[in-house]
C-alpha atoms as a PDB file:
ATOM      1  CA  MET A   1      68.675 -40.363 -37.631  1.00  0.00           C
ATOM      2  CA  TYR A   2      69.132 -44.088 -38.272  1.00  0.00           C
ATOM      3  CA  ARG A   3      70.586 -43.282 -41.360  1.00  0.00           C
ATOM      4  CA  ILE A   4      73.171 -41.136 -39.732  1.00  0.00           C
ATOM      5  CA  ILE A   5      73.983 -44.342 -37.729  1.00  0.00           C
ATOM      6  CA  LEU A   6      73.804 -46.804 -40.498  1.00  0.00           C
ATOM      7  CA  ILE A   7      76.513 -44.480 -42.181  1.00  0.00           C
ATOM      8  CA  LEU A   8      78.892 -44.290 -39.273  1.00  0.00           C
ATOM      9  CA  GLY A   9      78.714 -48.128 -39.018  1.00  0.00           C
ATOM     10  CA  LEU A  10      79.257 -48.554 -43.133  1.00  0.00           C
ATOM     11  CA  LEU A  11      82.123 -46.197 -42.608  1.00  0.00           C
ATOM     12  CA  VAL A  12      83.966 -48.094 -39.782  1.00  0.00           C
ATOM     13  CA  VAL A  13      83.740 -51.211 -41.758  1.00  0.00           C
ATOM     14  CA  LEU A  14      85.025 -49.813 -44.891  1.00  0.00           C
ATOM     15  CA  TYR A  15      87.811 -48.079 -43.099  1.00  0.00           C
ATOM     16  CA  PHE A  16      88.701 -51.295 -41.203  1.00  0.00           C
ATOM     17  CA  LEU A  17      88.485 -53.375 -45.152  1.00  0.00           C
ATOM     18  CA  LEU A  18      90.552 -50.708 -46.220  1.00  0.00           C
ATOM     19  CA  ARG A  19      93.105 -51.264 -43.642  1.00  0.00           C
ATOM     20  CA  ARG A  20      93.247 -54.931 -44.127  1.00  0.00           C
ATOM     21  CA  ALA A  21      93.852 -54.709 -47.722  1.00  0.00           C
ATOM     22  CA  VAL A  22      96.518 -51.949 -47.133  1.00  0.00           C
ATOM     23  CA  ARG A  23      98.398 -54.576 -44.836  1.00  0.00           C
ATOM     24  CA  ALA A  24      97.597 -57.382 -47.088  1.00  0.00           C
ATOM     25  CA  LEU A  25      99.395 -55.490 -49.763  1.00  0.00           C
ATOM     26  CA  LYS A  26     102.841 -54.466 -47.340  1.00  0.00           C
ATOM     27  CA  GLY A  27     103.291 -58.676 -46.833  1.00  0.00           C
ATOM     28  CA  PRO A  28     103.447 -60.328 -43.207  1.00  0.00           C
ATOM     29  CA  GLY A  29     107.179 -59.873 -43.287  1.00  0.00           C
ATOM     30  CA  GLU A  30     107.268 -55.840 -43.592  1.00  0.00           C
ATOM     31  CA  PRO A  31     106.710 -53.990 -40.358  1.00  0.00           C
ATOM     32  CA  ASP A  32     104.681 -50.914 -40.469  1.00  0.00           C
ATOM     33  CA  GLY A  33     106.202 -47.629 -40.562  1.00  0.00           C
ATOM     34  CA  LEU A  34     110.144 -46.995 -40.341  1.00  0.00           C
ATOM     35  CA  LEU A  35     112.398 -49.981 -39.921  1.00  0.00           C
ATOM     36  CA  PRO A  36     113.954 -50.380 -36.233  1.00  0.00           C
ATOM     37  CA  GLY A  37     117.409 -48.961 -35.687  1.00  0.00           C
ATOM     38  CA  LYS A  38     119.913 -49.538 -33.113  1.00  0.00           C
ATOM     39  CA  ASP A  39     118.241 -48.081 -30.330  1.00  0.00           C
ATOM     40  CA  HIS A  40     115.473 -50.015 -31.062  1.00  0.00           C
ATOM     41  CA  MET A  41     113.570 -51.984 -27.799  1.00  0.00           C
ATOM     42  CA  VAL A  42     112.846 -55.258 -28.106  1.00  0.00           C
ATOM     43  CA  GLN A  43     111.234 -57.879 -25.434  1.00  0.00           C
ATOM     44  CA  ASP A  44     112.746 -60.870 -23.969  1.00  0.00           C
ATOM     45  CA  PRO A  45     110.029 -64.155 -24.481  1.00  0.00           C
ATOM     46  CA  VAL A  46     110.910 -65.654 -20.990  1.00  0.00           C
ATOM     47  CA  CYS A  47     111.519 -62.692 -18.431  1.00  0.00           C
ATOM     48  CA  LEU A  48     109.510 -59.946 -20.297  1.00  0.00           C
ATOM     49  CA  VAL A  49     112.303 -57.376 -20.167  1.00  0.00           C
ATOM     50  CA  PHE A  50     113.364 -54.876 -22.623  1.00  0.00           C
ATOM     51  CA  VAL A  51     116.797 -54.624 -23.526  1.00  0.00           C
ATOM     52  CA  PRO A  52     118.227 -52.335 -26.860  1.00  0.00           C
ATOM     53  CA  ARG A  53     118.423 -54.467 -30.003  1.00  0.00           C
ATOM     54  CA  GLU A  54     121.966 -53.747 -30.502  1.00  0.00           C
ATOM     55  CA  ALA A  55     122.338 -55.586 -26.973  1.00  0.00           C
ATOM     56  CA  ALA A  56     120.400 -58.260 -27.200  1.00  0.00           C
ATOM     57  CA  ILE A  57     121.313 -62.010 -27.224  1.00  0.00           C
ATOM     58  CA  THR A  58     120.055 -63.202 -30.672  1.00  0.00           C
ATOM     59  CA  GLU A  59     119.110 -66.849 -31.714  1.00  0.00           C
ATOM     60  CA  ASP A  60     117.961 -67.938 -34.980  1.00  0.00           C
ATOM     61  CA  ILE A  61     115.019 -70.477 -33.766  1.00  0.00           C
ATOM     62  CA  GLY A  62     112.666 -72.560 -36.339  1.00  0.00           C
ATOM     63  CA  GLY A  63     113.240 -69.548 -38.937  1.00  0.00           C
ATOM     64  CA  GLN A  64     112.749 -66.962 -36.781  1.00  0.00           C
ATOM     65  CA  THR A  65     115.129 -64.679 -34.967  1.00  0.00           C
ATOM     66  CA  TYR A  66     114.361 -64.140 -31.095  1.00  0.00           C
ATOM     67  CA  TYR A  67     115.865 -61.535 -28.900  1.00  0.00           C
ATOM     68  CA  PHE A  68     116.991 -61.969 -25.545  1.00  0.00           C
ATOM     69  CA  CYS A  69     118.534 -60.493 -22.425  1.00  0.00           C
ATOM     70  CA  SER A  70     120.713 -63.057 -21.687  1.00  0.00           C
ATOM     71  CA  ARG A  71     122.712 -66.448 -22.411  1.00  0.00           C
ATOM     72  CA  SER A  72     120.209 -67.990 -19.796  1.00  0.00           C
ATOM     73  CA  CYS A  73     116.780 -66.738 -20.866  1.00  0.00           C
ATOM     74  CA  ALA A  74     117.775 -68.108 -24.264  1.00  0.00           C
ATOM     75  CA  HIS A  75     118.573 -71.352 -23.173  1.00  0.00           C
ATOM     76  CA  LYS A  76     115.478 -71.499 -20.823  1.00  0.00           C
ATOM     77  CA  PHE A  77     113.765 -70.721 -24.037  1.00  0.00           C
ATOM     78  CA  GLN A  78     114.847 -73.455 -26.390  1.00  0.00           C
ATOM     79  CA  GLU A  79     114.351 -75.785 -23.293  1.00  0.00           C
ATOM     80  CA  LYS A  80     110.683 -74.816 -22.750  1.00  0.00           C
ATOM     81  CA  LEU A  81     110.231 -75.282 -26.768  1.00  0.00           C
ATOM     82  CA  ALA A  82     111.966 -79.011 -26.811  1.00  0.00           C
ATOM     83  CA  GLY A  83     109.899 -80.432 -23.565  1.00  0.00           C
END
């Protein structure tokens, strides 16, 4: 009985190690699965509303692209980072 539990535990550990190795080979900037299309929903980091990516206000801040539902949310986000 203990052998079965030990084998199952080792298989779980092996699974997580392999998953981490595959993600490391993909690289940090590559998403899992398919690339998002026009209808992909993104979340506003200020008011937490989901908006379609093509309709979102985009701002490049510190080398990273952020998506906002409105200019006021983008302005609030930049004020928060500056303060």
